[in-house]
């Protein structure tokens, strides 16, 4: 059985695929469309994707319920959890229009951040794919890297950021790589691998974080926020997943 951790990148999507029973059987790929990863020759049974899945018709409070639940766990890293607005706002192609719709479909009224708007095309892509291919729904899980690292760190928020002013922060990147190594889930060489063309080092790091969740889910683990997951108006799951059982930390 193969699984995949997936993140968005300049090339489209980056995925780290791995066989559950053989950590040395793995590969790093990029693809312009998520469907190509879902339909890869390995046919990954679990795809842990760092992208929102399931969109609200209206937003109450500070975003979807999964976002509201995980922010308090992440301490100073909670700013990495964007508030996803209503489906109509996400479907808007113009930033000003998205802000207008988001404000009208949220309570309290909330506009769209520029960072959030930048990922709307990928949110629309995964949304359209799952609605067109319901057979993929049991295989695709929404994850958030900082929640994965929270679990890998024994349920404690990380004290160092991954980026500072949009630029990868060396000590924070090193901390996350060390947590991935200590988990014993991934080969050290994979954790230290350079990103492929069209992806940045932090994109690969986030995909590796997703891979740890995918491995845990494939082995019967995983925990969702909320538990059980909700559903949007189109039947898509609304939950962010992470590792349920803490991996054994290597000495």
Protein backbone atom coordinates (compact mmCIF):
# COMPACT_ATOMS: atom_id res chain seq x y z
CA UNK A 1 0.00 0.00 0.00
CA UNK A 2 1.23 3.48 -0.93
CA UNK A 3 0.32 6.79 0.69
CA UNK A 4 1.15 10.40 -0.13
CA UNK A 5 1.71 13.71 1.61
CA UNK A 6 0.77 16.59 -0.69
CA UNK A 7 1.24 20.36 -0.71
CA UNK A 8 0.77 23.13 -3.23
CA UNK A 9 3.84 24.60 -4.94
CA UNK A 10 4.85 26.73 -7.93
CA UNK A 11 4.70 23.72 -10.25
CA UNK A 12 1.18 22.95 -9.04
CA UNK A 13 1.46 20.23 -6.43
CA UNK A 14 4.32 18.41 -4.71
CA UNK A 15 3.82 14.92 -3.32
CA UNK A 16 5.97 12.52 -1.37
CA UNK A 17 4.78 8.96 -2.02
CA UNK A 18 5.82 6.06 0.20
CA UNK A 19 5.02 2.41 0.68
CA UNK A 20 3.59 1.84 4.14
CA UNK A 21 5.55 -1.38 4.66
CA UNK A 22 8.83 -0.16 3.19
CA UNK A 23 9.98 3.40 4.02
CA UNK A 24 12.85 3.04 1.56
CA UNK A 25 10.33 2.76 -1.29
CA UNK A 26 9.48 6.39 -1.86
CA UNK A 27 9.64 9.14 -4.45
CA UNK A 28 9.12 12.89 -4.61
CA UNK A 29 7.07 14.20 -7.53
CA UNK A 30 5.48 17.40 -8.76
CA UNK A 31 2.40 17.59 -10.96
CA UNK A 32 0.37 20.45 -12.45
CA UNK A 33 -2.91 18.86 -11.27
CA UNK A 34 -3.84 17.00 -8.11
CA UNK A 35 -5.67 14.37 -10.15
CA UNK A 36 -2.34 13.21 -11.59
CA UNK A 37 -1.12 12.42 -8.06
CA UNK A 38 -4.34 10.65 -7.09
CA UNK A 39 -4.08 8.55 -10.27
CA UNK A 40 -0.31 7.99 -10.05
CA UNK A 41 0.92 4.45 -10.82
CA UNK A 42 1.25 3.81 -7.07
CA UNK A 43 -2.47 4.56 -6.60
CA UNK A 44 -1.95 6.02 -3.09
CA UNK A 45 -4.61 4.71 -0.71
CA UNK A 46 -4.32 7.85 1.44
CA UNK A 47 -3.55 11.37 0.23
CA UNK A 48 -2.95 13.84 3.06
CA UNK A 49 -3.29 17.24 1.40
CA UNK A 50 -2.40 20.61 2.89
CA UNK A 51 -5.40 22.38 1.40
CA UNK A 52 -8.90 23.16 2.73
CA UNK A 53 -11.59 20.64 1.79
CA UNK A 54 -15.27 21.32 2.36
CA UNK A 55 -16.55 24.87 2.08
CA UNK A 56 -19.22 26.61 4.18
CA UNK A 57 -22.20 28.44 2.76
CA UNK A 58 -21.64 31.04 5.50
CA UNK A 59 -18.91 31.44 8.10
CA UNK A 60 -19.63 32.01 11.76
CA UNK A 61 -16.81 33.30 13.93
CA UNK A 62 -13.19 32.92 12.80
CA UNK A 63 -13.62 30.47 9.94
CA UNK A 64 -14.67 26.85 9.64
CA UNK A 65 -14.97 24.73 12.78
CA UNK A 66 -11.72 22.80 12.08
CA UNK A 67 -9.79 26.06 11.96
CA UNK A 68 -11.38 27.30 15.18
CA UNK A 69 -10.53 24.02 16.94
CA UNK A 70 -6.86 23.75 16.01
CA UNK A 71 -5.77 27.38 16.42
CA UNK A 72 -5.62 27.26 20.24
CA UNK A 73 -3.35 24.18 20.02
CA UNK A 74 -0.73 25.93 17.90
CA UNK A 75 0.21 28.84 20.15
CA UNK A 76 2.22 31.41 18.19
CA UNK A 77 1.89 29.30 15.04
CA UNK A 78 -1.90 29.75 14.85
CA UNK A 79 -1.58 32.60 12.34
CA UNK A 80 -0.72 29.93 9.75
CA UNK A 81 -4.33 28.71 9.91
CA UNK A 82 -6.25 30.85 7.43
CA UNK A 83 -9.96 31.51 7.91
CA UNK A 84 -11.62 30.01 4.83
CA UNK A 85 -14.65 32.06 3.76
CA UNK A 86 -17.88 30.95 2.12
CA UNK A 87 -18.00 28.86 -1.05
CA UNK A 88 -19.27 31.84 -3.06
CA UNK A 89 -16.29 33.93 -1.93
CA UNK A 90 -13.82 31.16 -2.80
CA UNK A 91 -15.40 30.86 -6.25
CA UNK A 92 -14.87 34.59 -6.95
CA UNK A 93 -12.00 35.22 -9.37
CA UNK A 94 -11.50 38.87 -8.41
CA UNK A 95 -10.04 39.82 -5.03
CA UNK A 96 -12.37 42.78 -4.44
CA UNK A 97 -15.37 40.65 -5.34
CA UNK A 98 -14.19 37.88 -3.02
CA UNK A 99 -13.91 40.39 -0.17
CA UNK A 100 -17.39 41.76 -0.84
CA UNK A 101 -18.96 38.31 -0.89
CA UNK A 102 -16.98 37.14 2.14
CA UNK A 103 -18.10 40.18 4.13
CA UNK A 104 -21.74 39.55 3.20
CA UNK A 105 -21.59 35.85 4.10
CA UNK A 106 -19.77 35.99 7.43
CA UNK A 107 -20.71 36.88 10.99
CA UNK A 108 -18.90 38.90 12.17
CA UNK A 109 -18.27 40.40 8.75
CA UNK A 110 -14.80 39.42 7.54
CA UNK A 111 -12.93 40.13 4.30
CA UNK A 112 -10.39 37.83 2.61
CA UNK A 113 -6.65 38.00 3.27
CA UNK A 114 -4.35 38.27 0.28
CA UNK A 115 -2.59 35.06 1.39
CA UNK A 116 -5.89 33.25 1.57
CA UNK A 117 -6.99 34.53 -1.83
CA UNK A 118 -3.73 33.26 -3.36
CA UNK A 119 -4.65 29.65 -2.59
CA UNK A 120 -8.27 29.91 -3.81
CA UNK A 121 -7.41 28.37 -7.23
CA UNK A 122 -6.09 25.25 -5.54
CA UNK A 123 -9.07 25.11 -3.17
CA UNK A 124 -11.36 25.29 -6.20
CA UNK A 125 -9.33 22.56 -7.91
CA UNK A 126 -9.55 20.06 -5.06
CA UNK A 127 -13.21 20.93 -4.50
CA UNK A 128 -14.07 20.31 -8.18
CA UNK A 129 -12.03 17.09 -8.25
CA UNK A 130 -13.74 15.54 -5.23
CA UNK A 131 -17.20 16.56 -6.43
CA UNK A 132 -16.52 15.05 -9.87
CA UNK A 133 -14.75 11.98 -8.45
CA UNK A 134 -16.58 10.88 -5.28
CA UNK A 135 -14.53 7.67 -5.43
CA UNK A 136 -11.56 9.77 -4.25
CA UNK A 137 -13.35 11.09 -1.17
CA UNK A 138 -12.43 8.15 1.12
CA UNK A 139 -8.77 8.54 0.10
CA UNK A 140 -8.23 12.31 0.42
CA UNK A 141 -7.77 13.95 3.83
CA UNK A 142 -7.18 17.59 4.69
CA UNK A 143 -4.13 18.18 6.88
CA UNK A 144 -2.23 21.18 8.22
CA UNK A 145 1.56 20.94 8.64
CA UNK A 146 1.69 22.82 11.92
CA UNK A 147 -0.92 20.48 13.40
CA UNK A 148 1.15 17.50 12.24
CA UNK A 149 4.24 19.00 13.90
CA UNK A 150 2.17 19.69 17.02
CA UNK A 151 1.44 15.94 17.20
CA UNK A 152 5.03 14.96 16.38
CA UNK A 153 6.14 17.27 19.20
CA UNK A 154 4.06 15.39 21.75
CA UNK A 155 1.03 17.66 21.54
CA UNK A 156 3.03 20.85 22.07
CA UNK A 157 3.11 23.89 19.82
CA UNK A 158 6.44 24.66 18.19
CA UNK A 159 8.26 27.70 19.54
CA UNK A 160 10.03 28.59 16.28
CA UNK A 161 8.34 29.76 13.07
CA UNK A 162 8.92 28.05 9.72
CA UNK A 163 9.05 31.40 7.95
CA UNK A 164 9.82 34.97 8.91
CA UNK A 165 8.37 37.68 6.65
CA UNK A 166 7.70 35.13 3.95
CA UNK A 167 11.26 33.74 3.94
CA UNK A 168 12.16 30.26 5.27
CA UNK A 169 13.68 30.55 8.74
CA UNK A 170 16.65 28.21 9.16
CA UNK A 171 16.24 27.29 12.85
CA UNK A 172 12.50 26.69 12.41
CA UNK A 173 13.05 24.52 9.34
CA UNK A 174 15.76 22.56 11.18
CA UNK A 175 13.46 21.98 14.17
CA UNK A 176 10.78 20.51 11.92
CA UNK A 177 13.24 18.27 10.11
CA UNK A 178 14.51 17.02 13.46
CA UNK A 179 10.97 16.15 14.56
CA UNK A 180 10.43 14.22 11.33
CA UNK A 181 13.65 12.27 11.91
CA UNK A 182 12.91 11.56 15.57
CA UNK A 183 9.48 10.19 14.70
CA UNK A 184 11.10 7.16 13.10
CA UNK A 185 8.48 7.23 10.36
CA UNK A 186 10.64 8.55 7.53
CA UNK A 187 14.20 7.81 6.38
CA UNK A 188 16.67 10.57 7.26
CA UNK A 189 17.76 10.78 3.63
CA UNK A 190 14.19 11.59 2.59
CA UNK A 191 13.87 14.30 5.23
CA UNK A 192 17.10 15.89 4.00
CA UNK A 193 16.29 15.53 0.29
CA UNK A 194 16.36 18.71 -1.83
CA UNK A 195 13.08 19.88 -3.32
CA UNK A 196 12.44 19.15 -6.98
CA UNK A 197 12.29 21.89 -9.58
CA UNK A 198 9.13 23.95 -9.21
CA UNK A 199 8.90 23.47 -5.43
CA UNK A 200 10.54 25.18 -2.47
CA UNK A 201 12.16 23.58 0.56
CA UNK A 202 9.22 24.54 2.78
CA UNK A 203 6.77 22.98 0.29
CA UNK A 204 8.63 19.67 0.56
CA UNK A 205 8.76 19.97 4.35
CA UNK A 206 4.98 20.46 4.48
CA UNK A 207 4.44 17.48 2.17
CA UNK A 208 6.63 15.36 4.47
CA UNK A 209 4.55 16.46 7.46
CA UNK A 210 1.44 15.39 5.56
CA UNK A 211 3.10 12.06 4.78
CA UNK A 212 3.44 11.26 8.50
CA UNK A 213 -0.31 11.76 8.89
CA UNK A 214 -1.01 9.63 5.80
CA UNK A 215 1.12 6.82 7.23
CA UNK A 216 -0.71 6.97 10.55
CA UNK A 217 -4.11 6.97 8.84
CA UNK A 218 -3.14 3.96 6.71
CA UNK A 219 -2.22 2.10 9.90
CA UNK A 220 -5.56 2.77 11.53
CA UNK A 221 -4.58 5.91 13.42
CA UNK A 222 -5.38 9.54 12.79
CA UNK A 223 -7.52 12.02 14.68
CA UNK A 224 -9.80 14.63 13.21
CA UNK A 225 -10.83 18.11 14.27
CA UNK A 226 -13.79 17.96 14.70
CA UNK A 227 -14.43 14.34 15.55
CA UNK A 228 -16.44 13.12 13.72
CA UNK A 229 -15.82 15.26 10.64
CA UNK A 230 -18.58 17.53 9.40
CA UNK A 231 -19.94 17.70 5.85
CA UNK A 232 -20.50 20.65 3.57
CA UNK A 233 -23.56 21.20 1.37
CA UNK A 234 -22.04 18.96 -1.31
CA UNK A 235 -21.20 16.11 1.04
CA UNK A 236 -17.47 16.85 1.21
CA UNK A 237 -15.80 16.18 4.59
CA UNK A 238 -14.96 19.17 6.77
CA UNK A 239 -12.13 18.24 9.13
CA UNK A 240 -8.39 18.68 9.61
CA UNK A 241 -6.52 15.46 10.41
CA UNK A 242 -3.32 14.72 12.28
CA UNK A 243 -1.61 11.77 13.93
CA UNK A 244 -3.68 10.16 16.68
CA UNK A 245 -1.06 7.99 18.35
CA UNK A 246 2.21 9.72 19.07
CA UNK A 247 5.00 8.02 17.14
CA UNK A 248 7.74 6.40 19.14
CA UNK A 249 10.53 8.94 19.47
CA UNK A 250 13.93 7.55 18.63
CA UNK A 251 16.71 8.18 21.17
